[in-house]
Amino acid sequence: MEQHQQILSSVSTILKVDKINLEIKLKEICCLLKQEKSNYDWVGFYFAQPSTKTLHLKAFAGISTDHTVIPFGKGICGQVALSNDSFVVDDVQAEENYISCNIDVKSEIVIPLFLNKINIGQIDIDSNTPKAFNQTDTLLLEEINNRISNYMLYNKLSINIS
């Protein structure tokens, strides 16, 4: 838990830095999580484009992915865009609707990001370790998303989807 408190403190520090835009801050948060959590092999933020019912990758740390745009309903991320619920997958091979980004991925966690009670995006984390995520990870990522949402609200920010 002490590690999680340090991560949350670092996230708050990143969000407080002036003169860098939100997408750069999100990229720094991705890098922080990937560096600090040994089982977080890929970390990314997707944001919703409601008019096209698609998610768009805006920041990530890890190997590049071809999945920069995901339709609502497709894959774990697409399911979270519709359900508004966190989704932990212990074994991605057991999921019918899983989109494979990397052959080494064994488990995934996706946590929605809400702004004014609207699901505007999500944090998506892949691990090359089976059953890599637990309730503690869920709580950590929910709090990170909450801090990002509060930052966006306070600064009247949105993500440009284009």
C-alpha atoms as a PDB file:
ATOM      1  CA  MET A   1       0.000   0.000   0.000  1.00  0.00           C
ATOM      2  CA  GLU A   2       2.902   2.364   0.639  1.00  0.00           C
ATOM      3  CA  GLN A   3       3.908   1.965  -3.017  1.00  0.00           C
ATOM      4  CA  HIS A   4       0.387   2.959  -4.063  1.00  0.00           C
ATOM      5  CA  GLN A   5       0.507   6.067  -1.879  1.00  0.00           C
ATOM      6  CA  GLN A   6       3.796   7.043  -3.519  1.00  0.00           C
ATOM      7  CA  ILE A   7       2.279   6.473  -6.970  1.00  0.00           C
ATOM      8  CA  LEU A   8      -0.765   8.594  -6.089  1.00  0.00           C
ATOM      9  CA  SER A   9       1.489  11.341  -4.772  1.00  0.00           C
ATOM     10  CA  SER A  10       3.495  11.261  -8.004  1.00  0.00           C
ATOM     11  CA  VAL A  11       0.288  11.398 -10.078  1.00  0.00           C
ATOM     12  CA  SER A  12      -0.818  14.489  -8.151  1.00  0.00           C
ATOM     13  CA  THR A  13       2.590  16.081  -8.744  1.00  0.00           C
ATOM     14  CA  ILE A  14       2.387  15.362 -12.484  1.00  0.00           C
ATOM     15  CA  LEU A  15      -1.072  16.920 -12.667  1.00  0.00           C
ATOM     16  CA  LYS A  16       0.102  20.065 -10.853  1.00  0.00           C
ATOM     17  CA  VAL A  17       2.935  20.804 -13.295  1.00  0.00           C
ATOM     18  CA  ASP A  18       2.218  23.986 -15.245  1.00  0.00           C
ATOM     19  CA  LYS A  19       2.901  24.545 -18.918  1.00  0.00           C
ATOM     20  CA  ILE A  20       2.440  20.978 -20.147  1.00  0.00           C
ATOM     21  CA  ASN A  21      -0.795  19.827 -21.706  1.00  0.00           C
ATOM     22  CA  LEU A  22      -3.071  17.067 -20.474  1.00  0.00           C
ATOM     23  CA  GLU A  23      -1.949  14.509 -23.058  1.00  0.00           C
ATOM     24  CA  ILE A  24       1.678  14.873 -21.946  1.00  0.00           C
ATOM     25  CA  LYS A  25       0.584  14.498 -18.314  1.00  0.00           C
ATOM     26  CA  LEU A  26      -1.324  11.336 -19.224  1.00  0.00           C
ATOM     27  CA  LYS A  27       1.765   9.977 -21.001  1.00  0.00           C
ATOM     28  CA  GLU A  28       3.848  10.678 -17.880  1.00  0.00           C
ATOM     29  CA  ILE A  29       1.275   8.868 -15.720  1.00  0.00           C
ATOM     30  CA  CYS A  30       1.444   5.869 -18.100  1.00  0.00           C
ATOM     31  CA  CYS A  31       5.240   5.833 -17.846  1.00  0.00           C
ATOM     32  CA  LEU A  32       5.103   6.152 -14.061  1.00  0.00           C
ATOM     33  CA  LEU A  33       2.734   3.187 -13.716  1.00  0.00           C
ATOM     34  CA  LYS A  34       4.717   1.018 -16.123  1.00  0.00           C
ATOM     35  CA  GLN A  35       7.943   1.834 -14.268  1.00  0.00           C
ATOM     36  CA  GLU A  36       6.594   1.414 -10.727  1.00  0.00           C
ATOM     37  CA  LYS A  37       4.400  -1.672 -11.218  1.00  0.00           C
ATOM     38  CA  SER A  38       6.441  -4.584 -12.541  1.00  0.00           C
ATOM     39  CA  ASN A  39       3.367  -6.446 -13.823  1.00  0.00           C
ATOM     40  CA  TYR A  40       2.060  -3.424 -15.802  1.00  0.00           C
ATOM     41  CA  ASP A  41       3.582  -4.170 -19.208  1.00  0.00           C
ATOM     42  CA  TRP A  42       1.439  -1.756 -21.261  1.00  0.00           C
ATOM     43  CA  VAL A  43      -0.484   1.239 -19.893  1.00  0.00           C
ATOM     44  CA  GLY A  44      -2.717   3.470 -21.969  1.00  0.00           C
ATOM     45  CA  PHE A  45      -5.545   5.981 -21.875  1.00  0.00           C
ATOM     46  CA  TYR A  46      -8.362   5.760 -24.406  1.00  0.00           C
ATOM     47  CA  PHE A  47     -10.945   8.526 -24.751  1.00  0.00           C
ATOM     48  CA  ALA A  48     -14.445   8.264 -26.163  1.00  0.00           C
ATOM     49  CA  GLN A  49     -15.783   9.917 -29.287  1.00  0.00           C
ATOM     50  CA  PRO A  50     -19.531   9.525 -28.631  1.00  0.00           C
ATOM     51  CA  SER A  51     -20.597  10.689 -32.101  1.00  0.00           C
ATOM     52  CA  THR A  52     -18.733   7.807 -33.775  1.00  0.00           C
ATOM     53  CA  LYS A  53     -19.000   5.403 -30.813  1.00  0.00           C
ATOM     54  CA  THR A  54     -15.245   4.867 -30.819  1.00  0.00           C
ATOM     55  CA  LEU A  55     -12.382   5.012 -28.341  1.00  0.00           C
ATOM     56  CA  HIS A  56      -9.155   6.782 -29.305  1.00  0.00           C
ATOM     57  CA  LEU A  57      -5.729   6.079 -27.812  1.00  0.00           C
ATOM     58  CA  LYS A  58      -4.308   9.356 -26.494  1.00  0.00           C
ATOM     59  CA  ALA A  59      -1.348   8.308 -24.336  1.00  0.00           C
ATOM     60  CA  PHE A  60       0.478   5.072 -23.616  1.00  0.00           C
ATOM     61  CA  ALA A  61       3.676   3.470 -22.348  1.00  0.00           C
ATOM     62  CA  GLY A  62       4.823   0.151 -23.755  1.00  0.00           C
ATOM     63  CA  ILE A  63       5.117  -1.349 -27.198  1.00  0.00           C
ATOM     64  CA  SER A  64       3.178   0.301 -30.008  1.00  0.00           C
ATOM     65  CA  THR A  65      -0.258  -1.020 -30.861  1.00  0.00           C
ATOM     66  CA  ASP A  66      -2.322  -1.017 -34.024  1.00  0.00           C
ATOM     67  CA  HIS A  67      -5.424  -0.595 -31.846  1.00  0.00           C
ATOM     68  CA  THR A  68      -5.506   3.189 -31.698  1.00  0.00           C
ATOM     69  CA  VAL A  69      -9.248   3.340 -32.453  1.00  0.00           C
ATOM     70  CA  ILE A  70     -11.623   0.792 -30.903  1.00  0.00           C
ATOM     71  CA  PRO A  71     -15.372   0.643 -31.576  1.00  0.00           C
ATOM     72  CA  PHE A  72     -17.671   0.650 -28.544  1.00  0.00           C
ATOM     73  CA  GLY A  73     -18.484  -2.957 -27.659  1.00  0.00           C
ATOM     74  CA  LYS A  74     -15.341  -4.443 -29.235  1.00  0.00           C
ATOM     75  CA  GLY A  75     -12.716  -5.942 -26.932  1.00  0.00           C
ATOM     76  CA  ILE A  76     -12.456  -5.309 -23.220  1.00  0.00           C
ATOM     77  CA  CYS A  77     -12.057  -1.544 -23.705  1.00  0.00           C
ATOM     78  CA  GLY A  78     -15.096  -1.389 -25.967  1.00  0.00           C
ATOM     79  CA  GLN A  79     -17.154  -3.341 -23.446  1.00  0.00           C
ATOM     80  CA  VAL A  80     -16.202  -0.915 -20.657  1.00  0.00           C
ATOM     81  CA  ALA A  81     -17.236   1.994 -22.898  1.00  0.00           C
ATOM     82  CA  LEU A  82     -20.753   0.520 -22.921  1.00  0.00           C
ATOM     83  CA  SER A  83     -21.009  -0.991 -19.429  1.00  0.00           C
ATOM     84  CA  ASN A  84     -19.374   1.848 -17.446  1.00  0.00           C
ATOM     85  CA  ASP A  85     -17.959  -0.866 -15.169  1.00  0.00           C
ATOM     86  CA  SER A  86     -14.375  -1.812 -14.387  1.00  0.00           C
ATOM     87  CA  PHE A  87     -13.303  -5.062 -16.029  1.00  0.00           C
ATOM     88  CA  VAL A  88     -10.525  -7.370 -14.807  1.00  0.00           C
ATOM     89  CA  VAL A  89      -9.543 -10.267 -17.065  1.00  0.00           C
ATOM     90  CA  ASP A  90      -7.394 -12.943 -15.419  1.00  0.00           C
ATOM     91  CA  ASP A  91      -6.881 -14.867 -18.686  1.00  0.00           C
ATOM     92  CA  VAL A  92      -7.364 -12.963 -21.946  1.00  0.00           C
ATOM     93  CA  GLN A  93      -7.483 -16.234 -23.924  1.00  0.00           C
ATOM     94  CA  ALA A  94     -10.706 -17.130 -22.109  1.00  0.00           C
ATOM     95  CA  GLU A  95     -12.445 -13.943 -23.324  1.00  0.00           C
ATOM     96  CA  GLU A  96     -14.375 -14.302 -26.589  1.00  0.00           C
ATOM     97  CA  ASN A  97     -14.414 -10.548 -27.224  1.00  0.00           C
ATOM     98  CA  TYR A  98     -10.722  -9.957 -26.481  1.00  0.00           C
ATOM     99  CA  ILE A  99      -8.671  -7.933 -29.002  1.00  0.00           C
ATOM    100  CA  SER A 100      -5.093  -9.195 -29.017  1.00  0.00           C
ATOM    101  CA  CYS A 101      -2.586  -6.350 -29.046  1.00  0.00           C
ATOM    102  CA  ASN A 102       0.426  -8.469 -28.210  1.00  0.00           C
ATOM    103  CA  ILE A 103       0.872 -12.251 -28.150  1.00  0.00           C
ATOM    104  CA  ASP A 104       2.566 -12.038 -24.728  1.00  0.00           C
ATOM    105  CA  VAL A 105      -0.432 -10.443 -22.944  1.00  0.00           C
ATOM    106  CA  LYS A 106      -2.028 -12.779 -20.416  1.00  0.00           C
ATOM    107  CA  SER A 107      -4.284 -10.489 -18.361  1.00  0.00           C
ATOM    108  CA  GLU A 108      -5.880  -7.047 -18.595  1.00  0.00           C
ATOM    109  CA  ILE A 109      -7.614  -4.441 -16.449  1.00  0.00           C
ATOM    110  CA  VAL A 110      -9.734  -1.575 -17.765  1.00  0.00           C
ATOM    111  CA  ILE A 111     -11.085   1.160 -15.470  1.00  0.00           C
ATOM    112  CA  PRO A 112     -13.531   3.793 -16.786  1.00  0.00           C
ATOM    113  CA  LEU A 113     -12.768   7.496 -16.423  1.00  0.00           C
ATOM    114  CA  PHE A 114     -15.798   9.616 -15.556  1.00  0.00           C
ATOM    115  CA  LEU A 115     -16.222  13.364 -15.958  1.00  0.00           C
ATOM    116  CA  ASN A 116     -19.467  14.789 -14.561  1.00  0.00           C
ATOM    117  CA  LYS A 117     -20.692  11.184 -14.194  1.00  0.00           C
ATOM    118  CA  ILE A 118     -20.165  10.518 -17.924  1.00  0.00           C
ATOM    119  CA  ASN A 119     -17.757   7.812 -19.078  1.00  0.00           C
ATOM    120  CA  ILE A 120     -15.311   9.815 -21.215  1.00  0.00           C
ATOM    121  CA  GLY A 121     -12.564   7.220 -21.437  1.00  0.00           C
ATOM    122  CA  GLN A 122     -10.548   4.658 -19.570  1.00  0.00           C
ATOM    123  CA  ILE A 123      -7.194   3.476 -18.426  1.00  0.00           C
ATOM    124  CA  ASP A 124      -6.225   0.136 -19.957  1.00  0.00           C
ATOM    125  CA  ILE A 125      -3.396  -2.011 -18.612  1.00  0.00           C
ATOM    126  CA  ASP A 126      -2.046  -5.233 -20.095  1.00  0.00           C
ATOM    127  CA  SER A 127       0.174  -7.679 -18.261  1.00  0.00           C
ATOM    128  CA  ASN A 128       2.285 -10.530 -19.542  1.00  0.00           C
ATOM    129  CA  THR A 129       1.523 -12.265 -16.214  1.00  0.00           C
ATOM    130  CA  PRO A 130      -1.661 -14.321 -15.764  1.00  0.00           C
ATOM    131  CA  LYS A 131      -4.025 -13.068 -13.022  1.00  0.00           C
ATOM    132  CA  ALA A 132      -1.848  -9.970 -12.580  1.00  0.00           C
ATOM    133  CA  PHE A 133      -4.550  -7.680 -11.191  1.00  0.00           C
ATOM    134  CA  ASN A 134      -6.527  -7.635  -7.958  1.00  0.00           C
ATOM    135  CA  GLN A 135      -8.858  -5.344  -6.005  1.00  0.00           C
ATOM    136  CA  THR A 136      -5.909  -3.230  -4.861  1.00  0.00           C
ATOM    137  CA  ASP A 137      -5.051  -2.472  -8.496  1.00  0.00           C
ATOM    138  CA  THR A 138      -8.674  -1.596  -9.191  1.00  0.00           C
ATOM    139  CA  LEU A 139      -8.761   0.842  -6.268  1.00  0.00           C
ATOM    140  CA  LEU A 140      -5.436   2.418  -7.265  1.00  0.00           C
ATOM    141  CA  LEU A 141      -6.534   2.958 -10.863  1.00  0.00           C
ATOM    142  CA  GLU A 142      -9.967   4.256  -9.838  1.00  0.00           C
ATOM    143  CA  GLU A 143      -8.248   6.841  -7.635  1.00  0.00           C
ATOM    144  CA  ILE A 144      -5.867   7.838 -10.427  1.00  0.00           C
ATOM    145  CA  ASN A 145      -8.829   8.311 -12.774  1.00  0.00           C
ATOM    146  CA  ASN A 146     -10.640  10.279 -10.074  1.00  0.00           C
ATOM    147  CA  ARG A 147      -7.651  12.632  -9.727  1.00  0.00           C
ATOM    148  CA  ILE A 148      -7.463  13.084 -13.496  1.00  0.00           C
ATOM    149  CA  SER A 149     -11.196  13.818 -13.627  1.00  0.00           C
ATOM    150  CA  ASN A 150     -10.946  16.360 -10.809  1.00  0.00           C
ATOM    151  CA  TYR A 151      -7.997  18.007 -12.562  1.00  0.00           C
ATOM    152  CA  MET A 152      -9.966  18.207 -15.808  1.00  0.00           C
ATOM    153  CA  LEU A 153     -13.017  19.632 -14.038  1.00  0.00           C
ATOM    154  CA  TYR A 154     -11.032  22.213 -12.082  1.00  0.00           C
ATOM    155  CA  ASN A 155      -9.155  23.370 -15.182  1.00  0.00           C
ATOM    156  CA  LYS A 156     -12.164  23.057 -17.518  1.00  0.00           C
ATOM    157  CA  LEU A 157     -10.237  20.696 -19.807  1.00  0.00           C
ATOM    158  CA  SER A 158     -11.313  18.138 -22.344  1.00  0.00           C
ATOM    159  CA  ILE A 159      -9.473  15.755 -24.636  1.00  0.00           C
ATOM    160  CA  ASN A 160      -9.358  16.606 -28.331  1.00  0.00           C
ATOM    161  CA  ILE A 161     -10.387  13.552 -30.339  1.00  0.00           C
ATOM    162  CA  SER A 162      -9.245  13.911 -33.929  1.00  0.00           C
END
